[in-house]
Amino acid sequence: MKAMLSTAVGGPETLELTELETPQPRKGQLLLRVHAAGVNFPDTLIIRDLYQMKPPRPFAPGGEVAGEVEAIGDGVEGFAVGDRVLALTGHGGFASHICVPKAAAFKIPDGMPYEDAATFIFTYGTSYHALKDRAQIKAGESLFILGAAGGVGAAAIELGKAAGAKVIAGVSSQDKADFCREIGADEVLIYPREMDRDAQKALSKEVKSLAGPDGVDVVYDAVGGDYAEPAIRALAWTGRFLVVGFPAGIPKIPLNLTLLKGSQIVGVFWGAHTMREPQAHAQNMAELFALYADGKVKPRISARYGLADVPTALTDMAERRLLGKAVITID
């Protein structure tokens, strides 16, 4: 088998394409022949030891895959050799083969190609858990998304619309704004790449003008940094601020804002949710597959790479060049 390995702490340029012995599944595992793997922002962090999870080296990044079952370990029921499955792997996905626990695998619905399956579970799983479980968003509410043109942001646009919310997409450029309108955002605002105090005040004012005089009901923050505080200032009474990611840095929030607005700052750690609440995760996946079948959600794949091009894919992700999702296709 082939794998793109992280052998030392560092950026994408430190990864090495390596030939390895194909593993055999242990008890409770499936061996997958990987056809496609999704590219996500945590992949850029885990190789730098900046993610919550720090696997021992050498390891391959890649947190979600789609492929077919080649072998089955002892004690596994409900799967057969040849089944098409997607799996949340955490790491190890940028490889031609991987062993995954049975609990991490879901059969791919008929009509879903491998590329869609490989770019489905991480972003839609995160955003569905955020909006449904953590924000409990309701039809008629307003939703402001920071980083709306990225993978989880684009998923949040579609899921917010499916929930009946008014969706306001926040992005940093005109091409990203156009992309968000194409996938269903009701309103789009473009914020500067650098935020000073005046820009923060302007951002809060613009969000309120688009959401309504009372402010926005839910903020989905996949950016962090200096963008978080003005978004919280734009919240309505009892609004919910979803903490999703920090590519712009970890913000420091004046907590008096939550008192004045009766608002909530709500953490979204979807990876932990899948492990701590597996039944709820399985139910969410069933509901997401139904939304896909109904045409309400579909991964927006803007870039495709081969296994040898993983370093380029991760560089493009880290530098925020990508719209929607990117996928690694593995021959």
C-alpha atoms as a PDB file:
ATOM      1  CA  MET A   1       0.000   0.000   0.000  1.00  0.00           C
ATOM      2  CA  LYS A   2       0.970   3.653  -0.359  1.00  0.00           C
ATOM      3  CA  ALA A   3       0.581   6.374   2.252  1.00  0.00           C
ATOM      4  CA  MET A   4       1.504  10.054   2.572  1.00  0.00           C
ATOM      5  CA  LEU A   5       3.233  10.059   5.962  1.00  0.00           C
ATOM      6  CA  SER A   6       4.075  12.694   8.517  1.00  0.00           C
ATOM      7  CA  THR A   7       7.466  11.653   9.863  1.00  0.00           C
ATOM      8  CA  ALA A   8       8.385  14.924  11.595  1.00  0.00           C
ATOM      9  CA  VAL A   9       6.534  17.929  13.001  1.00  0.00           C
ATOM     10  CA  GLY A  10       6.074  20.507  10.280  1.00  0.00           C
ATOM     11  CA  GLY A  11       4.068  21.788   7.348  1.00  0.00           C
ATOM     12  CA  PRO A  12       2.880  19.996   4.200  1.00  0.00           C
ATOM     13  CA  GLU A  13       6.395  20.060   2.738  1.00  0.00           C
ATOM     14  CA  THR A  14       7.520  17.547   5.402  1.00  0.00           C
ATOM     15  CA  LEU A  15       5.150  14.792   4.196  1.00  0.00           C
ATOM     16  CA  GLU A  16       6.624  11.743   2.467  1.00  0.00           C
ATOM     17  CA  LEU A  17       4.919   9.358   0.025  1.00  0.00           C
ATOM     18  CA  THR A  18       5.853   5.919   1.315  1.00  0.00           C
ATOM     19  CA  GLU A  19       5.324   2.264   0.383  1.00  0.00           C
ATOM     20  CA  LEU A  20       4.110   0.155   3.319  1.00  0.00           C
ATOM     21  CA  GLU A  21       2.851  -3.342   3.971  1.00  0.00           C
ATOM     22  CA  THR A  22      -0.932  -3.511   3.692  1.00  0.00           C
ATOM     23  CA  PRO A  23      -2.387  -3.958   7.203  1.00  0.00           C
ATOM     24  CA  GLN A  24      -4.738  -6.730   8.223  1.00  0.00           C
ATOM     25  CA  PRO A  25      -7.894  -5.948  10.185  1.00  0.00           C
ATOM     26  CA  ARG A  26      -7.897  -6.792  13.872  1.00  0.00           C
ATOM     27  CA  LYS A  27     -10.934  -7.830  15.858  1.00  0.00           C
ATOM     28  CA  GLY A  28     -13.767  -5.373  15.287  1.00  0.00           C
ATOM     29  CA  GLN A  29     -12.115  -3.731  12.273  1.00  0.00           C
ATOM     30  CA  LEU A  30     -12.674  -3.409   8.530  1.00  0.00           C
ATOM     31  CA  LEU A  31      -9.873  -3.134   5.957  1.00  0.00           C
ATOM     32  CA  LEU A  32     -10.837  -0.538   3.361  1.00  0.00           C
ATOM     33  CA  ARG A  33      -9.418   0.003  -0.088  1.00  0.00           C
ATOM     34  CA  VAL A  34      -9.588   3.793  -0.153  1.00  0.00           C
ATOM     35  CA  HIS A  35     -11.008   5.372  -3.297  1.00  0.00           C
ATOM     36  CA  ALA A  36     -11.220   8.973  -2.061  1.00  0.00           C
ATOM     37  CA  ALA A  37     -10.368  10.993   1.037  1.00  0.00           C
ATOM     38  CA  GLY A  38     -11.644  14.393   2.130  1.00  0.00           C
ATOM     39  CA  VAL A  39      -9.336  17.313   2.895  1.00  0.00           C
ATOM     40  CA  ASN A  40     -10.157  19.296   6.056  1.00  0.00           C
ATOM     41  CA  PHE A  41      -8.547  22.083   8.053  1.00  0.00           C
ATOM     42  CA  PRO A  42      -7.582  19.757  10.955  1.00  0.00           C
ATOM     43  CA  ASP A  43      -5.330  17.895   8.489  1.00  0.00           C
ATOM     44  CA  THR A  44      -3.177  21.032   8.321  1.00  0.00           C
ATOM     45  CA  LEU A  45      -2.978  21.195  12.128  1.00  0.00           C
ATOM     46  CA  ILE A  46      -2.386  17.557  13.020  1.00  0.00           C
ATOM     47  CA  ILE A  47       0.907  17.399  11.080  1.00  0.00           C
ATOM     48  CA  ARG A  48       2.131  20.409  13.087  1.00  0.00           C
ATOM     49  CA  ASP A  49       1.047  18.882  16.425  1.00  0.00           C
ATOM     50  CA  LEU A  50      -1.466  21.718  16.801  1.00  0.00           C
ATOM     51  CA  TYR A  51      -4.627  19.574  16.873  1.00  0.00           C
ATOM     52  CA  GLN A  52      -6.373  18.099  19.919  1.00  0.00           C
ATOM     53  CA  MET A  53      -5.295  14.637  18.799  1.00  0.00           C
ATOM     54  CA  LYS A  54      -1.563  13.894  18.428  1.00  0.00           C
ATOM     55  CA  PRO A  55      -1.027  10.408  16.945  1.00  0.00           C
ATOM     56  CA  PRO A  56       2.421   8.805  17.202  1.00  0.00           C
ATOM     57  CA  ARG A  57       4.632   9.163  14.142  1.00  0.00           C
ATOM     58  CA  PRO A  58       4.861   8.109  11.467  1.00  0.00           C
ATOM     59  CA  PHE A  59       1.205   8.594  10.553  1.00  0.00           C
ATOM     60  CA  ALA A  60      -0.813   9.679   7.548  1.00  0.00           C
ATOM     61  CA  PRO A  61      -3.151  12.652   7.938  1.00  0.00           C
ATOM     62  CA  GLY A  62      -6.632  12.371   6.479  1.00  0.00           C
ATOM     63  CA  GLY A  63      -9.693  12.256   8.719  1.00  0.00           C
ATOM     64  CA  GLU A  64     -12.417  10.938   6.394  1.00  0.00           C
ATOM     65  CA  VAL A  65     -12.414   8.353   3.624  1.00  0.00           C
ATOM     66  CA  ALA A  66     -14.666   6.430   1.276  1.00  0.00           C
ATOM     67  CA  GLY A  67     -13.845   3.035  -0.178  1.00  0.00           C
ATOM     68  CA  GLU A  68     -14.737  -0.626  -0.361  1.00  0.00           C
ATOM     69  CA  VAL A  69     -14.337  -3.355   2.205  1.00  0.00           C
ATOM     70  CA  GLU A  70     -11.468  -5.725   1.313  1.00  0.00           C
ATOM     71  CA  ALA A  71     -11.278  -7.776   4.518  1.00  0.00           C
ATOM     72  CA  ILE A  72     -13.213  -8.139   7.769  1.00  0.00           C
ATOM     73  CA  GLY A  73     -11.838  -8.741  11.263  1.00  0.00           C
ATOM     74  CA  ASP A  74     -13.271 -11.129  13.815  1.00  0.00           C
ATOM     75  CA  GLY A  75     -16.472 -10.100  15.525  1.00  0.00           C
ATOM     76  CA  VAL A  76     -17.698  -7.773  12.781  1.00  0.00           C
ATOM     77  CA  GLU A  77     -21.286  -8.237  11.628  1.00  0.00           C
ATOM     78  CA  GLY A  78     -23.376  -6.228   9.201  1.00  0.00           C
ATOM     79  CA  PHE A  79     -20.641  -5.728   6.592  1.00  0.00           C
ATOM     80  CA  ALA A  80     -19.429  -7.851   3.685  1.00  0.00           C
ATOM     81  CA  VAL A  81     -16.399  -7.778   1.416  1.00  0.00           C
ATOM     82  CA  GLY A  82     -17.168  -5.400  -1.433  1.00  0.00           C
ATOM     83  CA  ASP A  83     -19.450  -3.091   0.572  1.00  0.00           C
ATOM     84  CA  ARG A  84     -19.067   0.599  -0.226  1.00  0.00           C
ATOM     85  CA  VAL A  85     -18.492   2.549   2.991  1.00  0.00           C
ATOM     86  CA  LEU A  86     -17.414   5.920   4.294  1.00  0.00           C
ATOM     87  CA  ALA A  87     -15.595   6.294   7.574  1.00  0.00           C
ATOM     88  CA  LEU A  88     -14.433   8.920  10.023  1.00  0.00           C
ATOM     89  CA  THR A  89     -10.791   8.051  10.662  1.00  0.00           C
ATOM     90  CA  GLY A  90      -9.265  10.993  12.540  1.00  0.00           C
ATOM     91  CA  HIS A  91      -6.009  10.316  10.696  1.00  0.00           C
ATOM     92  CA  GLY A  92      -4.608   7.708   8.316  1.00  0.00           C
ATOM     93  CA  GLY A  93      -6.899   8.493   5.412  1.00  0.00           C
ATOM     94  CA  PHE A  94      -4.315   9.727   2.894  1.00  0.00           C
ATOM     95  CA  ALA A  95      -3.384   6.177   1.968  1.00  0.00           C
ATOM     96  CA  SER A  96      -4.484   3.442  -0.389  1.00  0.00           C
ATOM     97  CA  HIS A  97      -5.639   1.209   2.497  1.00  0.00           C
ATOM     98  CA  ILE A  98      -6.732   1.717   6.085  1.00  0.00           C
ATOM     99  CA  CYS A  99      -8.210  -0.373   8.915  1.00  0.00           C
ATOM    100  CA  VAL A 100     -11.135   1.298  10.675  1.00  0.00           C
ATOM    101  CA  PRO A 101     -13.312   0.249  13.614  1.00  0.00           C
ATOM    102  CA  LYS A 102     -16.729  -1.016  12.633  1.00  0.00           C
ATOM    103  CA  ALA A 103     -18.335   1.786  14.656  1.00  0.00           C
ATOM    104  CA  ALA A 104     -16.605   4.421  12.486  1.00  0.00           C
ATOM    105  CA  ALA A 105     -17.983   3.047   9.202  1.00  0.00           C
ATOM    106  CA  PHE A 106     -21.297   3.720   7.464  1.00  0.00           C
ATOM    107  CA  LYS A 107     -22.559   2.103   4.283  1.00  0.00           C
ATOM    108  CA  ILE A 108     -22.676   4.585   1.408  1.00  0.00           C
ATOM    109  CA  PRO A 109     -26.209   5.125   0.080  1.00  0.00           C
ATOM    110  CA  ASP A 110     -26.936   4.023  -3.467  1.00  0.00           C
ATOM    111  CA  GLY A 111     -26.364   6.884  -5.872  1.00  0.00           C
ATOM    112  CA  MET A 112     -23.671   8.588  -3.787  1.00  0.00           C
ATOM    113  CA  PRO A 113     -20.309   8.529  -5.596  1.00  0.00           C
ATOM    114  CA  TYR A 114     -17.090   7.929  -3.667  1.00  0.00           C
ATOM    115  CA  GLU A 115     -15.995  11.565  -3.990  1.00  0.00           C
ATOM    116  CA  ASP A 116     -19.226  12.822  -2.413  1.00  0.00           C
ATOM    117  CA  ALA A 117     -19.018  10.170   0.290  1.00  0.00           C
ATOM    118  CA  ALA A 118     -15.403  11.075   1.132  1.00  0.00           C
ATOM    119  CA  THR A 119     -16.291  14.752   1.558  1.00  0.00           C
ATOM    120  CA  PHE A 120     -19.566  14.255   3.415  1.00  0.00           C
ATOM    121  CA  ILE A 121     -19.185  13.070   6.974  1.00  0.00           C
ATOM    122  CA  PHE A 122     -16.756  15.632   8.430  1.00  0.00           C
ATOM    123  CA  THR A 123     -18.285  18.901   7.258  1.00  0.00           C
ATOM    124  CA  TYR A 124     -21.958  17.930   7.280  1.00  0.00           C
ATOM    125  CA  GLY A 125     -21.532  15.978  10.515  1.00  0.00           C
ATOM    126  CA  THR A 126     -19.904  18.981  12.206  1.00  0.00           C
ATOM    127  CA  SER A 127     -22.399  21.536  10.950  1.00  0.00           C
ATOM    128  CA  TYR A 128     -25.475  19.377  11.578  1.00  0.00           C
ATOM    129  CA  HIS A 129     -24.363  18.654  15.146  1.00  0.00           C
ATOM    130  CA  ALA A 130     -23.664  22.376  15.612  1.00  0.00           C
ATOM    131  CA  LEU A 131     -26.975  23.664  14.286  1.00  0.00           C
ATOM    132  CA  LYS A 132     -29.291  20.862  15.379  1.00  0.00           C
ATOM    133  CA  ASP A 133     -27.842  19.657  18.686  1.00  0.00           C
ATOM    134  CA  ARG A 134     -25.917  22.651  20.025  1.00  0.00           C
ATOM    135  CA  ALA A 135     -27.863  25.661  18.695  1.00  0.00           C
ATOM    136  CA  GLN A 136     -31.236  23.931  18.334  1.00  0.00           C
ATOM    137  CA  ILE A 137     -31.904  26.271  15.423  1.00  0.00           C
ATOM    138  CA  LYS A 138     -35.545  26.846  14.460  1.00  0.00           C
ATOM    139  CA  ALA A 139     -37.356  27.790  11.295  1.00  0.00           C
ATOM    140  CA  GLY A 140     -37.625  31.559  10.976  1.00  0.00           C
ATOM    141  CA  GLU A 141     -34.439  32.280  12.948  1.00  0.00           C
ATOM    142  CA  SER A 142     -31.416  34.037  11.471  1.00  0.00           C
ATOM    143  CA  LEU A 143     -27.967  32.465  11.106  1.00  0.00           C
ATOM    144  CA  PHE A 144     -24.680  34.276  10.488  1.00  0.00           C
ATOM    145  CA  ILE A 145     -21.770  32.112   9.304  1.00  0.00           C
ATOM    146  CA  LEU A 146     -18.155  33.259   9.577  1.00  0.00           C
ATOM    147  CA  GLY A 147     -15.947  31.492   7.033  1.00  0.00           C
ATOM    148  CA  ALA A 148     -19.004  30.541   5.016  1.00  0.00           C
ATOM    149  CA  ALA A 149     -17.138  29.534   1.840  1.00  0.00           C
ATOM    150  CA  GLY A 150     -15.095  26.808   3.541  1.00  0.00           C
ATOM    151  CA  GLY A 151     -16.114  23.176   3.945  1.00  0.00           C
ATOM    152  CA  VAL A 152     -18.023  23.393   7.227  1.00  0.00           C
ATOM    153  CA  GLY A 153     -19.300  26.873   6.347  1.00  0.00           C
ATOM    154  CA  ALA A 154     -20.762  25.765   3.021  1.00  0.00           C
ATOM    155  CA  ALA A 155     -22.387  22.797   4.765  1.00  0.00           C
ATOM    156  CA  ALA A 156     -23.841  25.193   7.345  1.00  0.00           C
ATOM    157  CA  ILE A 157     -25.385  27.300   4.566  1.00  0.00           C
ATOM    158  CA  GLU A 158     -27.215  24.290   3.122  1.00  0.00           C
ATOM    159  CA  LEU A 159     -28.245  22.920   6.518  1.00  0.00           C
ATOM    160  CA  GLY A 160     -29.388  26.332   7.739  1.00  0.00           C
ATOM    161  CA  LYS A 161     -31.608  26.671   4.688  1.00  0.00           C
ATOM    162  CA  ALA A 162     -32.916  23.126   5.147  1.00  0.00           C
ATOM    163  CA  ALA A 163     -33.864  24.076   8.733  1.00  0.00           C
ATOM    164  CA  GLY A 164     -35.810  27.097   7.496  1.00  0.00           C
ATOM    165  CA  ALA A 165     -33.405  29.763   8.758  1.00  0.00           C
ATOM    166  CA  LYS A 166     -32.425  33.039   7.118  1.00  0.00           C
ATOM    167  CA  VAL A 167     -28.754  32.514   6.237  1.00  0.00           C
ATOM    168  CA  ILE A 168     -26.195  35.343   6.178  1.00  0.00           C
ATOM    169  CA  ALA A 169     -22.811  34.266   4.808  1.00  0.00           C
ATOM    170  CA  GLY A 170     -19.669  36.088   5.907  1.00  0.00           C
ATOM    171  CA  VAL A 171     -16.611  35.780   3.642  1.00  0.00           C
ATOM    172  CA  SER A 172     -13.372  37.591   2.797  1.00  0.00           C
ATOM    173  CA  SER A 173     -13.603  38.021  -1.002  1.00  0.00           C
ATOM    174  CA  GLN A 174     -16.019  38.534  -3.878  1.00  0.00           C
ATOM    175  CA  ASP A 175     -15.454  35.089  -5.423  1.00  0.00           C
ATOM    176  CA  LYS A 176     -16.325  33.508  -2.077  1.00  0.00           C
ATOM    177  CA  ALA A 177     -19.409  35.708  -1.834  1.00  0.00           C
ATOM    178  CA  ASP A 178     -20.547  34.574  -5.285  1.00  0.00           C
ATOM    179  CA  PHE A 179     -19.987  30.947  -4.294  1.00  0.00           C
ATOM    180  CA  CYS A 180     -22.121  31.322  -1.150  1.00  0.00           C
ATOM    181  CA  ARG A 181     -24.978  32.899  -3.090  1.00  0.00           C
ATOM    182  CA  GLU A 182     -24.854  30.041  -5.582  1.00  0.00           C
ATOM    183  CA  ILE A 183     -25.348  27.454  -2.833  1.00  0.00           C
ATOM    184  CA  GLY A 184     -28.260  29.225  -1.191  1.00  0.00           C
ATOM    185  CA  ALA A 185     -27.194  32.029   1.159  1.00  0.00           C
ATOM    186  CA  ASP A 186     -29.927  34.663   1.521  1.00  0.00           C
ATOM    187  CA  GLU A 187     -27.486  37.471   2.250  1.00  0.00           C
ATOM    188  CA  VAL A 188     -23.716  37.811   1.873  1.00  0.00           C
ATOM    189  CA  LEU A 189     -21.283  40.250   3.464  1.00  0.00           C
ATOM    190  CA  ILE A 190     -17.577  40.642   2.759  1.00  0.00           C
ATOM    191  CA  TYR A 191     -15.355  41.432   5.731  1.00  0.00           C
ATOM    192  CA  PRO A 192     -11.705  42.582   5.601  1.00  0.00           C
ATOM    193  CA  ARG A 193      -8.848  40.133   6.037  1.00  0.00           C
ATOM    194  CA  GLU A 194      -7.460  42.305   8.866  1.00  0.00           C
ATOM    195  CA  MET A 195      -9.780  43.541  11.615  1.00  0.00           C
ATOM    196  CA  ASP A 196      -9.106  46.732  13.554  1.00  0.00           C
ATOM    197  CA  ARG A 197     -11.592  48.256  16.000  1.00  0.00           C
ATOM    198  CA  ASP A 198     -13.383  50.282  13.332  1.00  0.00           C
ATOM    199  CA  ALA A 199     -13.731  47.191  11.127  1.00  0.00           C
ATOM    200  CA  GLN A 200     -15.122  45.229  14.084  1.00  0.00           C
ATOM    201  CA  LYS A 201     -17.776  47.881  14.717  1.00  0.00           C
ATOM    202  CA  ALA A 202     -18.662  47.928  11.027  1.00  0.00           C
ATOM    203  CA  LEU A 203     -19.011  44.138  10.965  1.00  0.00           C
ATOM    204  CA  SER A 204     -21.404  44.127  13.939  1.00  0.00           C
ATOM    205  CA  LYS A 205     -23.476  46.889  12.363  1.00  0.00           C
ATOM    206  CA  GLU A 206     -23.693  45.115   9.008  1.00  0.00           C
ATOM    207  CA  VAL A 207     -24.720  41.781  10.561  1.00  0.00           C
ATOM    208  CA  LYS A 208     -27.486  43.530  12.498  1.00  0.00           C
ATOM    209  CA  SER A 209     -28.664  45.371   9.410  1.00  0.00           C
ATOM    210  CA  LEU A 210     -29.015  42.091   7.524  1.00  0.00           C
ATOM    211  CA  ALA A 211     -30.460  40.023  10.391  1.00  0.00           C
ATOM    212  CA  GLY A 212     -32.911  42.636  11.656  1.00  0.00           C
ATOM    213  CA  PRO A 213     -32.898  45.284  14.384  1.00  0.00           C
ATOM    214  CA  ASP A 214     -32.895  42.735  17.222  1.00  0.00           C
ATOM    215  CA  GLY A 215     -29.718  41.055  15.964  1.00  0.00           C
ATOM    216  CA  VAL A 216     -28.877  37.560  14.767  1.00  0.00           C
ATOM    217  CA  ASP A 217     -30.161  34.428  16.517  1.00  0.00           C
ATOM    218  CA  VAL A 218     -27.241  32.081  15.821  1.00  0.00           C
ATOM    219  CA  VAL A 219     -23.610  32.753  14.911  1.00  0.00           C
ATOM    220  CA  TYR A 220     -21.575  29.881  13.441  1.00  0.00           C
ATOM    221  CA  ASP A 221     -17.924  30.837  13.939  1.00  0.00           C
ATOM    222  CA  ALA A 222     -15.449  28.748  11.960  1.00  0.00           C
ATOM    223  CA  VAL A 223     -12.858  31.580  11.925  1.00  0.00           C
ATOM    224  CA  GLY A 224     -12.212  32.901  15.442  1.00  0.00           C
ATOM    225  CA  GLY A 225      -9.619  35.626  16.016  1.00  0.00           C
ATOM    226  CA  ASP A 226     -10.771  39.238  15.886  1.00  0.00           C
ATOM    227  CA  TYR A 227     -13.985  38.283  14.093  1.00  0.00           C
ATOM    228  CA  ALA A 228     -15.582  36.577  17.100  1.00  0.00           C
ATOM    229  CA  GLU A 229     -16.267  39.557  19.355  1.00  0.00           C
ATOM    230  CA  PRO A 230     -18.105  41.684  16.753  1.00  0.00           C
ATOM    231  CA  ALA A 231     -20.226  38.660  15.851  1.00  0.00           C
ATOM    232  CA  ILE A 232     -21.178  38.188  19.514  1.00  0.00           C
ATOM    233  CA  ARG A 233     -22.033  41.891  19.741  1.00  0.00           C
ATOM    234  CA  ALA A 234     -24.463  41.325  16.851  1.00  0.00           C
ATOM    235  CA  LEU A 235     -26.368  38.575  18.694  1.00  0.00           C
ATOM    236  CA  ALA A 236     -30.044  38.955  19.524  1.00  0.00           C
ATOM    237  CA  TRP A 237     -31.453  38.373  23.003  1.00  0.00           C
ATOM    238  CA  THR A 238     -30.874  34.677  23.933  1.00  0.00           C
ATOM    239  CA  GLY A 239     -28.696  34.287  20.833  1.00  0.00           C
ATOM    240  CA  ARG A 240     -26.285  31.361  20.512  1.00  0.00           C
ATOM    241  CA  PHE A 241     -22.650  31.685  19.455  1.00  0.00           C
ATOM    242  CA  LEU A 242     -21.206  28.414  18.128  1.00  0.00           C
ATOM    243  CA  VAL A 243     -17.466  27.920  18.632  1.00  0.00           C
ATOM    244  CA  VAL A 244     -16.354  25.764  15.687  1.00  0.00           C
ATOM    245  CA  GLY A 245     -12.746  26.631  14.777  1.00  0.00           C
ATOM    246  CA  PHE A 246      -9.878  29.091  15.061  1.00  0.00           C
ATOM    247  CA  PRO A 247      -7.906  29.513  11.803  1.00  0.00           C
ATOM    248  CA  ALA A 248      -7.595  33.238  12.649  1.00  0.00           C
ATOM    249  CA  GLY A 249      -6.549  32.516  16.251  1.00  0.00           C
ATOM    250  CA  ILE A 250      -8.249  31.827  19.580  1.00  0.00           C
ATOM    251  CA  PRO A 251     -10.307  34.896  20.578  1.00  0.00           C
ATOM    252  CA  LYS A 252     -10.627  36.535  23.990  1.00  0.00           C
ATOM    253  CA  ILE A 253     -14.253  37.428  24.683  1.00  0.00           C
ATOM    254  CA  PRO A 254     -15.585  40.004  27.207  1.00  0.00           C
ATOM    255  CA  LEU A 255     -18.039  37.797  29.083  1.00  0.00           C
ATOM    256  CA  ASN A 256     -20.205  40.752  30.077  1.00  0.00           C
ATOM    257  CA  LEU A 257     -21.580  40.553  26.529  1.00  0.00           C
ATOM    258  CA  THR A 258     -23.244  37.221  27.328  1.00  0.00           C
ATOM    259  CA  LEU A 259     -24.913  38.750  30.402  1.00  0.00           C
ATOM    260  CA  LEU A 260     -26.200  41.794  28.542  1.00  0.00           C
ATOM    261  CA  LYS A 261     -27.718  39.670  25.766  1.00  0.00           C
ATOM    262  CA  GLY A 262     -28.772  36.607  27.786  1.00  0.00           C
ATOM    263  CA  SER A 263     -26.741  34.738  25.197  1.00  0.00           C
ATOM    264  CA  GLN A 264     -24.808  31.486  25.131  1.00  0.00           C
ATOM    265  CA  ILE A 265     -21.305  30.643  23.930  1.00  0.00           C
ATOM    266  CA  VAL A 266     -21.554  27.000  22.887  1.00  0.00           C
ATOM    267  CA  GLY A 267     -18.642  24.710  22.092  1.00  0.00           C
ATOM    268  CA  VAL A 268     -18.874  22.392  19.069  1.00  0.00           C
ATOM    269  CA  PHE A 269     -16.500  19.425  19.356  1.00  0.00           C
ATOM    270  CA  TRP A 270     -18.015  17.054  16.845  1.00  0.00           C
ATOM    271  CA  GLY A 271     -15.216  14.478  17.039  1.00  0.00           C
ATOM    272  CA  ALA A 272     -15.815  13.997  20.770  1.00  0.00           C
ATOM    273  CA  HIS A 273     -19.575  13.906  20.150  1.00  0.00           C
ATOM    274  CA  THR A 274     -19.208  10.957  17.754  1.00  0.00           C
ATOM    275  CA  MET A 275     -17.338   8.976  20.436  1.00  0.00           C
ATOM    276  CA  ARG A 276     -19.320  10.030  23.508  1.00  0.00           C
ATOM    277  CA  GLU A 277     -22.765   9.916  21.892  1.00  0.00           C
ATOM    278  CA  PRO A 278     -22.546   7.260  19.151  1.00  0.00           C
ATOM    279  CA  GLN A 279     -26.292   6.649  18.961  1.00  0.00           C
ATOM    280  CA  ALA A 280     -27.022  10.345  18.433  1.00  0.00           C
ATOM    281  CA  HIS A 281     -24.226  10.469  15.835  1.00  0.00           C
ATOM    282  CA  ALA A 282     -25.721   7.501  13.971  1.00  0.00           C
ATOM    283  CA  GLN A 283     -29.147   9.175  13.995  1.00  0.00           C
ATOM    284  CA  ASN A 284     -27.661  12.386  12.644  1.00  0.00           C
ATOM    285  CA  MET A 285     -25.946  10.460   9.850  1.00  0.00           C
ATOM    286  CA  ALA A 286     -29.234   8.790   8.885  1.00  0.00           C
ATOM    287  CA  GLU A 287     -30.889  12.202   8.741  1.00  0.00           C
ATOM    288  CA  LEU A 288     -28.041  13.641   6.670  1.00  0.00           C
ATOM    289  CA  PHE A 289     -28.246  10.768   4.192  1.00  0.00           C
ATOM    290  CA  ALA A 290     -31.966  11.538   3.844  1.00  0.00           C
ATOM    291  CA  LEU A 291     -31.217  15.211   3.177  1.00  0.00           C
ATOM    292  CA  TYR A 292     -28.681  14.142   0.521  1.00  0.00           C
ATOM    293  CA  ALA A 293     -31.230  11.836  -1.112  1.00  0.00           C
ATOM    294  CA  ASP A 294     -33.730  14.717  -1.185  1.00  0.00           C
ATOM    295  CA  GLY A 295     -31.185  16.971  -2.892  1.00  0.00           C
ATOM    296  CA  LYS A 296     -31.038  19.442   0.018  1.00  0.00           C
ATOM    297  CA  VAL A 297     -27.314  18.932   0.637  1.00  0.00           C
ATOM    298  CA  LYS A 298     -24.470  17.979  -1.676  1.00  0.00           C
ATOM    299  CA  PRO A 299     -20.699  18.381  -1.162  1.00  0.00           C
ATOM    300  CA  ARG A 300     -19.393  21.301  -3.218  1.00  0.00           C
ATOM    301  CA  ILE A 301     -16.092  19.892  -4.480  1.00  0.00           C
ATOM    302  CA  SER A 302     -13.956  22.632  -5.994  1.00  0.00           C
ATOM    303  CA  ALA A 303     -10.562  20.878  -6.146  1.00  0.00           C
ATOM    304  CA  ARG A 304      -9.285  17.352  -6.760  1.00  0.00           C
ATOM    305  CA  TYR A 305      -5.783  16.021  -6.086  1.00  0.00           C
ATOM    306  CA  GLY A 306      -3.907  12.735  -6.372  1.00  0.00           C
ATOM    307  CA  LEU A 307      -2.217  11.059  -3.411  1.00  0.00           C
ATOM    308  CA  ALA A 308       1.166  12.494  -4.429  1.00  0.00           C
ATOM    309  CA  ASP A 309      -0.368  15.986  -4.392  1.00  0.00           C
ATOM    310  CA  VAL A 310      -1.473  15.917  -0.737  1.00  0.00           C
ATOM    311  CA  PRO A 311       1.141  18.568   0.252  1.00  0.00           C
ATOM    312  CA  THR A 312      -0.303  20.947  -2.354  1.00  0.00           C
ATOM    313  CA  ALA A 313      -3.849  20.242  -1.160  1.00  0.00           C
ATOM    314  CA  LEU A 314      -2.949  20.986   2.463  1.00  0.00           C
ATOM    315  CA  THR A 315      -1.117  24.173   1.469  1.00  0.00           C
ATOM    316  CA  ASP A 316      -4.167  25.348  -0.475  1.00  0.00           C
ATOM    317  CA  MET A 317      -6.346  24.547   2.543  1.00  0.00           C
ATOM    318  CA  ALA A 318      -4.072  26.318   5.031  1.00  0.00           C
ATOM    319  CA  GLU A 319      -3.890  29.423   2.833  1.00  0.00           C
ATOM    320  CA  ARG A 320      -7.708  29.484   2.420  1.00  0.00           C
ATOM    321  CA  ARG A 321      -7.641  29.172  -1.360  1.00  0.00           C
ATOM    322  CA  LEU A 322     -10.358  26.520  -1.482  1.00  0.00           C
ATOM    323  CA  LEU A 323     -14.087  26.946  -1.888  1.00  0.00           C
ATOM    324  CA  GLY A 324     -16.267  24.260  -0.366  1.00  0.00           C
ATOM    325  CA  LYS A 325     -14.521  20.892  -0.310  1.00  0.00           C
ATOM    326  CA  ALA A 326     -11.374  19.339  -1.739  1.00  0.00           C
ATOM    327  CA  VAL A 327     -10.829  15.619  -2.292  1.00  0.00           C
ATOM    328  CA  ILE A 328      -7.891  13.271  -2.714  1.00  0.00           C
ATOM    329  CA  THR A 329      -8.628  10.599  -5.324  1.00  0.00           C
ATOM    330  CA  ILE A 330      -6.575   7.441  -4.920  1.00  0.00           C
ATOM    331  CA  ASP A 331      -5.929   5.102  -7.858  1.00  0.00           C
END
